[in-house]
C-alpha atoms as a PDB file:
ATOM      1  CA  UNK A   1      17.477  24.550   2.907  1.00  0.00           C
ATOM      2  CA  UNK A   2      20.685  25.417   4.779  1.00  0.00           C
ATOM      3  CA  UNK A   3      21.477  23.320   7.865  1.00  0.00           C
ATOM      4  CA  UNK A   4      21.650  25.277  11.127  1.00  0.00           C
ATOM      5  CA  UNK A   5      25.183  26.207  12.076  1.00  0.00           C
ATOM      6  CA  UNK A   6      26.621  25.540   8.620  1.00  0.00           C
ATOM      7  CA  UNK A   7      27.791  28.547   6.569  1.00  0.00           C
ATOM      8  CA  UNK A   8      29.610  28.283   3.246  1.00  0.00           C
ATOM      9  CA  UNK A   9      31.411  31.282   1.752  1.00  0.00           C
ATOM     10  CA  UNK A  10      32.433  31.111  -1.911  1.00  0.00           C
ATOM     11  CA  UNK A  11      34.610  34.020  -2.991  1.00  0.00           C
ATOM     12  CA  UNK A  12      33.332  35.714  -6.140  1.00  0.00           C
ATOM     13  CA  UNK A  13      29.906  33.921  -6.157  1.00  0.00           C
ATOM     14  CA  UNK A  14      26.697  35.828  -5.594  1.00  0.00           C
ATOM     15  CA  UNK A  15      24.285  34.563  -2.932  1.00  0.00           C
ATOM     16  CA  UNK A  16      21.120  32.858  -4.156  1.00  0.00           C
ATOM     17  CA  UNK A  17      18.031  35.021  -3.522  1.00  0.00           C
ATOM     18  CA  UNK A  18      15.684  33.617  -0.853  1.00  0.00           C
ATOM     19  CA  UNK A  19      12.719  33.596  -3.245  1.00  0.00           C
ATOM     20  CA  UNK A  20      14.674  31.557  -5.792  1.00  0.00           C
ATOM     21  CA  UNK A  21      15.715  29.077  -3.107  1.00  0.00           C
ATOM     22  CA  UNK A  22      12.105  28.696  -1.956  1.00  0.00           C
ATOM     23  CA  UNK A  23      10.924  28.002  -5.517  1.00  0.00           C
ATOM     24  CA  UNK A  24      13.726  25.476  -6.019  1.00  0.00           C
ATOM     25  CA  UNK A  25      12.868  23.649  -2.791  1.00  0.00           C
ATOM     26  CA  UNK A  26       9.166  23.600  -3.672  1.00  0.00           C
ATOM     27  CA  UNK A  27       9.930  22.176  -7.117  1.00  0.00           C
ATOM     28  CA  UNK A  28      12.091  19.469  -5.563  1.00  0.00           C
ATOM     29  CA  UNK A  29       9.266  18.509  -3.204  1.00  0.00           C
ATOM     30  CA  UNK A  30       6.759  18.370  -6.060  1.00  0.00           C
ATOM     31  CA  UNK A  31       9.084  16.041  -7.970  1.00  0.00           C
ATOM     32  CA  UNK A  32       9.324  13.560  -5.092  1.00  0.00           C
ATOM     33  CA  UNK A  33       7.092  10.510  -4.768  1.00  0.00           C
ATOM     34  CA  UNK A  34       4.484  10.881  -1.998  1.00  0.00           C
ATOM     35  CA  UNK A  35       4.622   8.951   1.265  1.00  0.00           C
ATOM     36  CA  UNK A  36       1.861   6.346   1.098  1.00  0.00           C
ATOM     37  CA  UNK A  37      -0.234   5.237   4.125  1.00  0.00           C
ATOM     38  CA  UNK A  38       1.410   2.511   6.206  1.00  0.00           C
ATOM     39  CA  UNK A  39      -1.791   0.433   6.000  1.00  0.00           C
ATOM     40  CA  UNK A  40      -0.835  -0.453   2.417  1.00  0.00           C
ATOM     41  CA  UNK A  41       2.408  -2.153   3.522  1.00  0.00           C
ATOM     42  CA  UNK A  42       3.209  -5.460   5.278  1.00  0.00           C
ATOM     43  CA  UNK A  43       5.730  -3.869   7.645  1.00  0.00           C
ATOM     44  CA  UNK A  44       8.638  -6.252   8.132  1.00  0.00           C
ATOM     45  CA  UNK A  45       6.467  -9.319   7.477  1.00  0.00           C
ATOM     46  CA  UNK A  46       7.648 -11.641   4.729  1.00  0.00           C
ATOM     47  CA  UNK A  47       4.240 -12.998   3.779  1.00  0.00           C
ATOM     48  CA  UNK A  48       0.508 -12.393   3.791  1.00  0.00           C
ATOM     49  CA  UNK A  49      -2.022 -14.934   5.054  1.00  0.00           C
ATOM     50  CA  UNK A  50      -5.655 -15.260   3.984  1.00  0.00           C
ATOM     51  CA  UNK A  51      -8.244 -16.462   6.510  1.00  0.00           C
ATOM     52  CA  UNK A  52     -11.769 -17.688   5.811  1.00  0.00           C
ATOM     53  CA  UNK A  53     -14.007 -17.012   8.805  1.00  0.00           C
ATOM     54  CA  UNK A  54     -17.413 -18.117  10.119  1.00  0.00           C
ATOM     55  CA  UNK A  55     -20.242 -17.505  10.745  1.00  0.00           C
ATOM     56  CA  UNK A  56     -20.298 -14.238   8.807  1.00  0.00           C
ATOM     57  CA  UNK A  57     -18.413 -15.513   5.732  1.00  0.00           C
ATOM     58  CA  UNK A  58     -15.707 -12.930   6.413  1.00  0.00           C
ATOM     59  CA  UNK A  59     -12.362 -13.136   4.630  1.00  0.00           C
ATOM     60  CA  UNK A  60      -9.368 -11.565   6.363  1.00  0.00           C
ATOM     61  CA  UNK A  61      -5.714 -10.893   5.504  1.00  0.00           C
ATOM     62  CA  UNK A  62      -2.891 -10.747   8.060  1.00  0.00           C
ATOM     63  CA  UNK A  63       0.841 -10.013   8.096  1.00  0.00           C
ATOM     64  CA  UNK A  64       2.799 -10.920  11.232  1.00  0.00           C
ATOM     65  CA  UNK A  65       5.670  -8.678  12.361  1.00  0.00           C
ATOM     66  CA  UNK A  66       8.047  -9.062  15.312  1.00  0.00           C
ATOM     67  CA  UNK A  67       5.829  -7.206  17.816  1.00  0.00           C
ATOM     68  CA  UNK A  68       2.506  -6.715  16.098  1.00  0.00           C
ATOM     69  CA  UNK A  69       0.070  -8.077  13.564  1.00  0.00           C
ATOM     70  CA  UNK A  70      -1.417  -6.162  10.644  1.00  0.00           C
ATOM     71  CA  UNK A  71      -5.016  -7.125   9.955  1.00  0.00           C
ATOM     72  CA  UNK A  72      -7.125  -6.254   6.935  1.00  0.00           C
ATOM     73  CA  UNK A  73     -10.838  -6.905   6.446  1.00  0.00           C
ATOM     74  CA  UNK A  74     -13.259  -5.745   3.779  1.00  0.00           C
ATOM     75  CA  UNK A  75     -13.872  -2.682   5.958  1.00  0.00           C
ATOM     76  CA  UNK A  76     -10.361  -1.421   6.686  1.00  0.00           C
ATOM     77  CA  UNK A  77      -7.043  -2.117   8.373  1.00  0.00           C
ATOM     78  CA  UNK A  78      -5.708  -2.386  11.933  1.00  0.00           C
ATOM     79  CA  UNK A  79      -2.348  -2.801  13.630  1.00  0.00           C
ATOM     80  CA  UNK A  80      -2.641  -5.012  16.728  1.00  0.00           C
ATOM     81  CA  UNK A  81       0.225  -5.099  19.288  1.00  0.00           C
ATOM     82  CA  UNK A  82       1.283  -8.507  20.586  1.00  0.00           C
ATOM     83  CA  UNK A  83      -0.298  -9.519  23.893  1.00  0.00           C
ATOM     84  CA  UNK A  84       0.710 -12.072  26.510  1.00  0.00           C
ATOM     85  CA  UNK A  85      -1.062 -15.422  26.109  1.00  0.00           C
ATOM     86  CA  UNK A  86      -0.505 -18.900  27.525  1.00  0.00           C
ATOM     87  CA  UNK A  87      -0.479 -20.637  24.146  1.00  0.00           C
ATOM     88  CA  UNK A  88      -0.503 -19.640  20.495  1.00  0.00           C
ATOM     89  CA  UNK A  89      -0.139 -15.988  19.490  1.00  0.00           C
ATOM     90  CA  UNK A  90      -2.494 -13.194  20.510  1.00  0.00           C
ATOM     91  CA  UNK A  91      -2.647  -9.608  19.268  1.00  0.00           C
ATOM     92  CA  UNK A  92      -4.988  -6.981  20.650  1.00  0.00           C
ATOM     93  CA  UNK A  93      -5.861  -3.314  20.328  1.00  0.00           C
ATOM     94  CA  UNK A  94      -8.779  -2.232  22.490  1.00  0.00           C
ATOM     95  CA  UNK A  95     -11.830  -4.411  21.771  1.00  0.00           C
ATOM     96  CA  UNK A  96     -10.325  -6.028  18.668  1.00  0.00           C
ATOM     97  CA  UNK A  97      -8.168  -9.120  19.097  1.00  0.00           C
ATOM     98  CA  UNK A  98      -6.705 -11.872  16.925  1.00  0.00           C
ATOM     99  CA  UNK A  99      -5.540 -15.185  18.391  1.00  0.00           C
ATOM    100  CA  UNK A 100      -4.135 -18.029  16.360  1.00  0.00           C
ATOM    101  CA  UNK A 101      -2.469 -21.380  16.743  1.00  0.00           C
ATOM    102  CA  UNK A 102      -1.277 -23.062  13.562  1.00  0.00           C
ATOM    103  CA  UNK A 103      -3.915 -22.866  10.838  1.00  0.00           C
ATOM    104  CA  UNK A 104      -6.762 -21.842  13.175  1.00  0.00           C
ATOM    105  CA  UNK A 105      -7.589 -18.384  14.466  1.00  0.00           C
ATOM    106  CA  UNK A 106     -10.221 -16.531  16.477  1.00  0.00           C
ATOM    107  CA  UNK A 107     -11.118 -12.880  16.007  1.00  0.00           C
ATOM    108  CA  UNK A 108     -13.090 -10.915  18.613  1.00  0.00           C
ATOM    109  CA  UNK A 109     -14.694  -7.545  17.954  1.00  0.00           C
ATOM    110  CA  UNK A 110     -17.523  -5.548  19.576  1.00  0.00           C
ATOM    111  CA  UNK A 111     -19.824  -7.133  16.975  1.00  0.00           C
ATOM    112  CA  UNK A 112     -19.005 -10.707  17.920  1.00  0.00           C
ATOM    113  CA  UNK A 113     -16.556 -13.538  17.398  1.00  0.00           C
ATOM    114  CA  UNK A 114     -15.219 -15.144  14.217  1.00  0.00           C
ATOM    115  CA  UNK A 115     -13.645 -18.574  13.901  1.00  0.00           C
ATOM    116  CA  UNK A 116     -11.161 -18.659  11.043  1.00  0.00           C
ATOM    117  CA  UNK A 117      -9.143 -21.185   9.043  1.00  0.00           C
ATOM    118  CA  UNK A 118      -5.983 -20.486   7.083  1.00  0.00           C
ATOM    119  CA  UNK A 119      -6.787 -20.557   3.357  1.00  0.00           C
ATOM    120  CA  UNK A 120      -3.862 -19.141   1.358  1.00  0.00           C
ATOM    121  CA  UNK A 121      -0.458 -17.536   1.829  1.00  0.00           C
ATOM    122  CA  UNK A 122       1.629 -15.317  -0.424  1.00  0.00           C
ATOM    123  CA  UNK A 123       5.175 -14.025  -0.095  1.00  0.00           C
ATOM    124  CA  UNK A 124       5.245 -10.225   0.133  1.00  0.00           C
ATOM    125  CA  UNK A 125       6.709  -8.419  -2.863  1.00  0.00           C
ATOM    126  CA  UNK A 126      10.149  -6.903  -2.246  1.00  0.00           C
ATOM    127  CA  UNK A 127      12.306  -4.250  -3.891  1.00  0.00           C
ATOM    128  CA  UNK A 128      14.573  -7.040  -5.112  1.00  0.00           C
ATOM    129  CA  UNK A 129      11.658  -8.314  -7.212  1.00  0.00           C
ATOM    130  CA  UNK A 130      10.335  -4.864  -8.129  1.00  0.00           C
ATOM    131  CA  UNK A 131      13.345  -2.485  -8.198  1.00  0.00           C
ATOM    132  CA  UNK A 132      12.439   1.169  -7.745  1.00  0.00           C
ATOM    133  CA  UNK A 133       8.740   0.412  -7.090  1.00  0.00           C
ATOM    134  CA  UNK A 134       6.952   1.515  -3.893  1.00  0.00           C
ATOM    135  CA  UNK A 135       3.478   0.243  -4.819  1.00  0.00           C
ATOM    136  CA  UNK A 136       2.391  -2.449  -7.255  1.00  0.00           C
ATOM    137  CA  UNK A 137      -1.163  -3.281  -8.277  1.00  0.00           C
ATOM    138  CA  UNK A 138      -2.495  -5.837 -10.724  1.00  0.00           C
ATOM    139  CA  UNK A 139      -5.656  -7.404 -12.091  1.00  0.00           C
ATOM    140  CA  UNK A 140      -6.947  -9.956 -14.578  1.00  0.00           C
ATOM    141  CA  UNK A 141      -9.142 -10.345 -17.638  1.00  0.00           C
ATOM    142  CA  UNK A 142      -7.510  -8.580 -19.371  1.00  0.00           C
ATOM    143  CA  UNK A 143      -4.243  -8.627 -17.425  1.00  0.00           C
ATOM    144  CA  UNK A 144      -3.054  -5.193 -16.254  1.00  0.00           C
ATOM    145  CA  UNK A 145      -0.673  -3.683 -13.709  1.00  0.00           C
ATOM    146  CA  UNK A 146       0.368  -0.327 -12.267  1.00  0.00           C
ATOM    147  CA  UNK A 147       3.692   0.441 -10.597  1.00  0.00           C
ATOM    148  CA  UNK A 148       4.429   3.653  -8.664  1.00  0.00           C
ATOM    149  CA  UNK A 149       8.076   4.689  -8.637  1.00  0.00           C
ATOM    150  CA  UNK A 150       9.658   5.167  -5.212  1.00  0.00           C
ATOM    151  CA  UNK A 151      11.545   8.353  -6.089  1.00  0.00           C
ATOM    152  CA  UNK A 152       9.353  10.459  -8.405  1.00  0.00           C
ATOM    153  CA  UNK A 153       5.557  10.773  -8.917  1.00  0.00           C
ATOM    154  CA  UNK A 154       5.663   8.500 -11.957  1.00  0.00           C
ATOM    155  CA  UNK A 155       3.320   5.655 -12.858  1.00  0.00           C
ATOM    156  CA  UNK A 156       4.147   2.775 -15.190  1.00  0.00           C
ATOM    157  CA  UNK A 157       1.025   1.097 -16.537  1.00  0.00           C
ATOM    158  CA  UNK A 158       0.748  -2.139 -18.479  1.00  0.00           C
ATOM    159  CA  UNK A 159      -2.527  -3.190 -20.105  1.00  0.00           C
ATOM    160  CA  UNK A 160      -3.817  -5.942 -22.358  1.00  0.00           C
ATOM    161  CA  UNK A 161      -1.564  -8.600 -20.793  1.00  0.00           C
ATOM    162  CA  UNK A 162       1.518  -6.406 -21.085  1.00  0.00           C
ATOM    163  CA  UNK A 163       1.148  -5.556 -24.772  1.00  0.00           C
ATOM    164  CA  UNK A 164       0.836  -1.837 -23.989  1.00  0.00           C
ATOM    165  CA  UNK A 165       3.179  -0.022 -21.589  1.00  0.00           C
ATOM    166  CA  UNK A 166       3.073   3.683 -20.783  1.00  0.00           C
ATOM    167  CA  UNK A 167       4.901   5.799 -18.215  1.00  0.00           C
ATOM    168  CA  UNK A 168       3.294   9.035 -17.063  1.00  0.00           C
ATOM    169  CA  UNK A 169       3.619  11.570 -14.235  1.00  0.00           C
ATOM    170  CA  UNK A 170       0.762  11.808 -11.754  1.00  0.00           C
ATOM    171  CA  UNK A 171      -0.644  14.074  -9.070  1.00  0.00           C
ATOM    172  CA  UNK A 172      -2.251  13.085  -5.765  1.00  0.00           C
ATOM    173  CA  UNK A 173      -5.911  14.160  -5.575  1.00  0.00           C
ATOM    174  CA  UNK A 174      -6.754  12.281  -2.341  1.00  0.00           C
ATOM    175  CA  UNK A 175      -4.425  11.254   0.502  1.00  0.00           C
ATOM    176  CA  UNK A 176      -6.192   9.902   3.603  1.00  0.00           C
ATOM    177  CA  UNK A 177      -3.564   8.309   5.851  1.00  0.00           C
ATOM    178  CA  UNK A 178      -6.026   7.337   8.580  1.00  0.00           C
ATOM    179  CA  UNK A 179      -8.312   5.449   6.179  1.00  0.00           C
ATOM    180  CA  UNK A 180      -5.431   4.155   4.056  1.00  0.00           C
ATOM    181  CA  UNK A 181      -6.913   5.681   0.905  1.00  0.00           C
ATOM    182  CA  UNK A 182      -5.059   7.302  -1.999  1.00  0.00           C
ATOM    183  CA  UNK A 183      -6.275   8.572  -5.373  1.00  0.00           C
ATOM    184  CA  UNK A 184      -3.819   9.598  -8.080  1.00  0.00           C
ATOM    185  CA  UNK A 185      -4.452  10.874 -11.603  1.00  0.00           C
ATOM    186  CA  UNK A 186      -2.678  12.653 -14.403  1.00  0.00           C
ATOM    187  CA  UNK A 187      -2.580  16.429 -14.568  1.00  0.00           C
ATOM    188  CA  UNK A 188      -3.027  18.001 -18.011  1.00  0.00           C
ATOM    189  CA  UNK A 189      -1.440  14.973 -19.642  1.00  0.00           C
ATOM    190  CA  UNK A 190      -3.155  12.630 -22.082  1.00  0.00           C
ATOM    191  CA  UNK A 191      -4.315   9.918 -21.929  1.00  0.00           C
ATOM    192  CA  UNK A 192      -6.407  10.338 -18.779  1.00  0.00           C
ATOM    193  CA  UNK A 193      -6.080   7.806 -15.970  1.00  0.00           C
ATOM    194  CA  UNK A 194      -7.088   7.541 -12.335  1.00  0.00           C
ATOM    195  CA  UNK A 195      -5.900   4.996  -9.769  1.00  0.00           C
ATOM    196  CA  UNK A 196      -7.804   4.530  -6.516  1.00  0.00           C
ATOM    197  CA  UNK A 197      -6.026   2.589  -3.753  1.00  0.00           C
ATOM    198  CA  UNK A 198      -7.813   1.547  -0.540  1.00  0.00           C
ATOM    199  CA  UNK A 199      -6.467  -0.449   2.402  1.00  0.00           C
ATOM    200  CA  UNK A 200      -8.571  -3.574   2.873  1.00  0.00           C
ATOM    201  CA  UNK A 201      -8.533  -7.322   2.360  1.00  0.00           C
ATOM    202  CA  UNK A 202      -8.247  -8.154  -1.335  1.00  0.00           C
ATOM    203  CA  UNK A 203      -7.952 -11.513  -3.077  1.00  0.00           C
ATOM    204  CA  UNK A 204      -6.757 -12.175  -6.606  1.00  0.00           C
ATOM    205  CA  UNK A 205      -9.849 -13.324  -8.506  1.00  0.00           C
ATOM    206  CA  UNK A 206      -7.927 -16.118 -10.225  1.00  0.00           C
ATOM    207  CA  UNK A 207      -5.452 -17.426  -7.639  1.00  0.00           C
ATOM    208  CA  UNK A 208      -7.151 -16.324  -4.404  1.00  0.00           C
ATOM    209  CA  UNK A 209      -3.818 -14.934  -3.148  1.00  0.00           C
ATOM    210  CA  UNK A 210      -4.155 -12.263  -0.405  1.00  0.00           C
ATOM    211  CA  UNK A 211      -3.256  -8.563  -0.683  1.00  0.00           C
ATOM    212  CA  UNK A 212      -3.655  -5.605   1.706  1.00  0.00           C
ATOM    213  CA  UNK A 213      -5.148  -3.153  -0.787  1.00  0.00           C
ATOM    214  CA  UNK A 214      -7.907  -2.899  -3.377  1.00  0.00           C
ATOM    215  CA  UNK A 215      -6.959  -1.079  -6.579  1.00  0.00           C
ATOM    216  CA  UNK A 216      -9.267   0.450  -9.175  1.00  0.00           C
ATOM    217  CA  UNK A 217      -7.794   1.709 -12.458  1.00  0.00           C
ATOM    218  CA  UNK A 218      -9.739   3.995 -14.790  1.00  0.00           C
ATOM    219  CA  UNK A 219      -8.128   4.285 -18.197  1.00  0.00           C
ATOM    220  CA  UNK A 220      -9.234   4.645 -21.817  1.00  0.00           C
ATOM    221  CA  UNK A 221     -12.891   4.846 -20.842  1.00  0.00           C
ATOM    222  CA  UNK A 222     -12.711   1.498 -19.011  1.00  0.00           C
ATOM    223  CA  UNK A 223     -12.465   0.562 -15.344  1.00  0.00           C
ATOM    224  CA  UNK A 224     -10.364  -2.300 -13.996  1.00  0.00           C
ATOM    225  CA  UNK A 225     -10.385  -3.818 -10.507  1.00  0.00           C
ATOM    226  CA  UNK A 226      -7.583  -5.684  -8.773  1.00  0.00           C
ATOM    227  CA  UNK A 227      -5.317  -5.905  -5.740  1.00  0.00           C
ATOM    228  CA  UNK A 228      -2.035  -4.336  -4.681  1.00  0.00           C
ATOM    229  CA  UNK A 229       0.684  -3.974  -2.080  1.00  0.00           C
ATOM    230  CA  UNK A 230       3.072  -1.312  -0.867  1.00  0.00           C
ATOM    231  CA  UNK A 231       6.742  -2.307  -1.174  1.00  0.00           C
ATOM    232  CA  UNK A 232       9.123  -1.010   1.490  1.00  0.00           C
ATOM    233  CA  UNK A 233      12.891  -0.567   0.883  1.00  0.00           C
END
């Protein structure tokens, strides 16, 4: 695409046909990594917190930013702006609010109130730890991981505790930004795989560490479940 107001004239060079330029631009777009839903990321927060809540036995995940709080439950994700409060920290969006002081919190929704206690914390993954990766998911028994490159639609998969590593291109079959849901799979490339990513509270089944996304990997006739996180630059 040529920027408005900028014209370059090269003596002796033929102009590129418009149709060829359009095809080139389309190919470039197809070779770029997709923009993932913001609900999969911590924002500017440096860590995730896990909360165990009563009386409904709810488990929540939060990430606190400068002016808002990101909240994940088993049913989805919300971004709550900071509200004025006499003590502690309160975040509210409509009828949903989160108030906490230290290791105690209270959540209010149209369905009722939850009293929560801080259970676990985990530092958010960064690009310094995972260079070139915009999303990382992992699971256990057997250990596996998937990493989506930040520049091209390429997936790096490790299975069987890292003994097998493959790198394959993928296509996006589902992209629901509002729900925070993404499904990617390979296109006419063997072996077949599918990765389903959904925004929602997730906890490592060995360590209990909190994540903002649930990840399901289908590969080699098997299905694996785990957790993941978007990694911002």
